Amino acid sequence: MSRRIVTSKLEGLSSKPSVDTYFDKVLKYIPADVNGAWIAATGLIKSVSDVPQTTILWIAFAFGVVVTAIWTLQQTVEPGKRPAITQTLLSTGAFAVWVFALGDPFTSLNFYQPLYGSLMLIAYTLVVALVNPPES
């Protein structure tokens, strides 16, 4: 299965992938590989007490945002098609929402409450798959 979202199918071409369902799009929009790397990275950062953890977590978050965008663009390249910009933006947003829901580094901000992250994660996950990228 290609990582790129498929929203239309050309008639008579059996080699084309079938149109992605809501569930397929949820799986493709959420960058599980980068999210897994984030969990590992935060575990490592929090295991060391003599470093500025909050600063390192913010740097790691910024790095994760950039990596998510580049990785998604790379994974969705298909010859003859425009870059999957919408999918890349939504996947990068999914990473940011996921990190926000987990807490760190956002717990360093006065306004942060775990409830906000949880509600945002639920809403984003339910709504994101309703988007059909125009470049698919």
Protein backbone atom coordinates (compact mmCIF):
# COMPACT_ATOMS: atom_id res chain seq x y z
CA MET A 1 0.00 0.00 0.00
CA SER A 2 1.35 3.39 -1.00
CA ARG A 3 1.53 6.00 1.72
CA ARG A 4 -0.04 8.58 -0.62
CA ILE A 5 -3.77 9.27 -0.23
CA VAL A 6 -5.82 8.02 -3.21
CA THR A 7 -9.15 9.82 -3.71
CA SER A 8 -10.01 8.96 -7.32
CA LYS A 9 -9.58 5.94 -9.56
CA LEU A 10 -9.22 5.93 -13.32
CA GLU A 11 -11.73 3.66 -15.01
CA GLY A 12 -10.40 0.54 -16.69
CA LEU A 13 -6.97 0.61 -15.09
CA SER A 14 -6.78 -2.33 -12.73
CA SER A 15 -3.17 -1.52 -11.79
CA LYS A 16 -4.25 1.71 -10.06
CA PRO A 17 -4.79 1.45 -6.31
CA SER A 18 -8.36 1.53 -5.05
CA VAL A 19 -9.71 4.71 -3.52
CA ASP A 20 -8.74 5.14 0.13
CA THR A 21 -11.47 4.74 2.71
CA TYR A 22 -11.84 6.94 5.78
CA PHE A 23 -9.83 4.41 7.82
CA ASP A 24 -7.07 4.21 5.17
CA LYS A 25 -6.73 7.99 5.27
CA VAL A 26 -6.52 8.03 9.08
CA LEU A 27 -3.63 5.56 8.86
CA LYS A 28 -1.86 7.52 6.13
CA TYR A 29 -2.30 10.95 7.71
CA ILE A 30 -0.91 9.93 11.11
CA PRO A 31 2.89 9.55 10.95
CA ALA A 32 3.16 6.55 13.28
CA ASP A 33 6.86 6.04 12.46
CA VAL A 34 7.78 9.58 13.50
CA ASN A 35 5.45 9.40 16.50
CA GLY A 36 7.26 6.24 17.62
CA ALA A 37 10.61 8.00 17.23
CA TRP A 38 9.24 10.86 19.35
CA ILE A 39 8.31 8.50 22.19
CA ALA A 40 11.79 6.97 22.13
CA ALA A 41 13.49 10.38 21.99
CA THR A 42 11.47 11.82 24.88
CA GLY A 43 12.18 8.72 26.95
CA LEU A 44 15.90 9.18 26.38
CA ILE A 45 15.82 12.91 27.08
CA LYS A 46 13.84 12.47 30.30
CA SER A 47 16.19 9.72 31.50
CA VAL A 48 19.04 12.21 31.88
CA SER A 49 18.72 14.67 34.76
CA ASP A 50 21.77 16.89 34.28
CA VAL A 51 20.69 18.48 30.97
CA PRO A 52 18.20 21.27 30.18
CA GLN A 53 15.37 18.84 29.38
CA THR A 54 12.77 21.43 28.40
CA THR A 55 15.10 23.13 25.92
CA ILE A 56 16.14 19.82 24.41
CA LEU A 57 12.51 18.71 24.15
CA TRP A 58 11.59 21.92 22.28
CA ILE A 59 14.52 21.42 19.90
CA ALA A 60 13.53 17.78 19.40
CA PHE A 61 9.94 18.86 18.72
CA ALA A 62 11.05 21.37 16.07
CA PHE A 63 13.26 18.68 14.53
CA GLY A 64 10.31 16.26 14.56
CA VAL A 65 8.11 18.76 12.72
CA VAL A 66 10.75 19.21 10.00
CA VAL A 67 11.43 15.48 9.74
CA THR A 68 7.70 14.70 9.50
CA ALA A 69 7.27 17.12 6.60
CA ILE A 70 10.33 15.89 4.70
CA TRP A 71 9.58 12.22 5.42
CA THR A 72 5.95 12.50 4.31
CA LEU A 73 6.89 14.31 1.10
CA GLN A 74 9.50 11.63 0.39
CA GLN A 75 7.13 8.74 1.11
CA THR A 76 4.33 10.11 -1.08
CA VAL A 77 6.28 10.85 -4.26
CA GLU A 78 4.68 9.34 -7.35
CA PRO A 79 5.92 9.92 -10.90
CA GLY A 80 3.77 12.31 -12.90
CA LYS A 81 1.89 13.64 -9.85
CA ARG A 82 2.18 16.91 -7.98
CA PRO A 83 3.81 16.74 -4.53
CA ALA A 84 1.37 15.70 -1.80
CA ILE A 85 1.46 19.08 -0.05
CA THR A 86 -1.95 18.77 1.66
CA GLN A 87 -1.11 15.33 3.01
CA THR A 88 2.28 16.59 4.17
CA LEU A 89 0.74 19.53 6.02
CA LEU A 90 -1.94 17.35 7.63
CA SER A 91 0.59 14.69 8.66
CA THR A 92 2.87 17.34 10.13
CA GLY A 93 -0.13 18.76 11.97
CA ALA A 94 -0.95 15.27 13.23
CA PHE A 95 2.55 14.95 14.66
CA ALA A 96 2.24 18.32 16.43
CA VAL A 97 -1.19 17.44 17.83
CA TRP A 98 0.06 14.06 18.97
CA VAL A 99 3.02 15.63 20.80
CA PHE A 100 0.68 18.23 22.34
CA ALA A 101 -1.54 15.41 23.61
CA LEU A 102 1.42 13.59 25.16
CA GLY A 103 2.41 16.76 27.02
CA ASP A 104 6.12 17.44 26.80
CA PRO A 105 7.44 19.98 25.89
CA PHE A 106 4.10 21.83 26.09
CA THR A 107 3.84 21.18 29.84
CA SER A 108 6.39 23.99 30.24
CA LEU A 109 3.74 26.50 29.08
CA ASN A 110 1.43 27.98 31.72
CA PHE A 111 -1.78 27.43 29.76
CA TYR A 112 -1.21 23.73 29.06
CA GLN A 113 -3.69 21.24 30.50
CA PRO A 114 -3.68 17.53 29.55
CA LEU A 115 -7.41 17.83 28.82
CA TYR A 116 -6.69 20.24 25.94
CA GLY A 117 -4.25 17.84 24.34
CA SER A 118 -6.58 14.87 24.68
CA LEU A 119 -9.55 16.72 23.21
CA MET A 120 -7.45 18.11 20.37
CA LEU A 121 -6.13 14.63 19.55
CA ILE A 122 -9.63 13.16 19.45
CA ALA A 123 -10.97 15.96 17.26
CA TYR A 124 -8.01 15.97 14.87
CA THR A 125 -8.03 12.21 14.43
CA LEU A 126 -11.76 12.14 13.69
CA VAL A 127 -11.76 15.12 11.31
CA VAL A 128 -8.47 14.81 9.40
CA ALA A 129 -9.57 11.82 7.32
CA LEU A 130 -12.51 13.81 5.96
CA VAL A 131 -10.02 15.87 3.93
CA ASN A 132 -9.45 14.74 0.35
CA PRO A 133 -6.19 16.26 -0.88
CA PRO A 134 -6.62 18.07 -4.21
CA GLU A 135 -3.28 16.84 -5.52
CA SER A 136 -4.15 13.12 -5.20
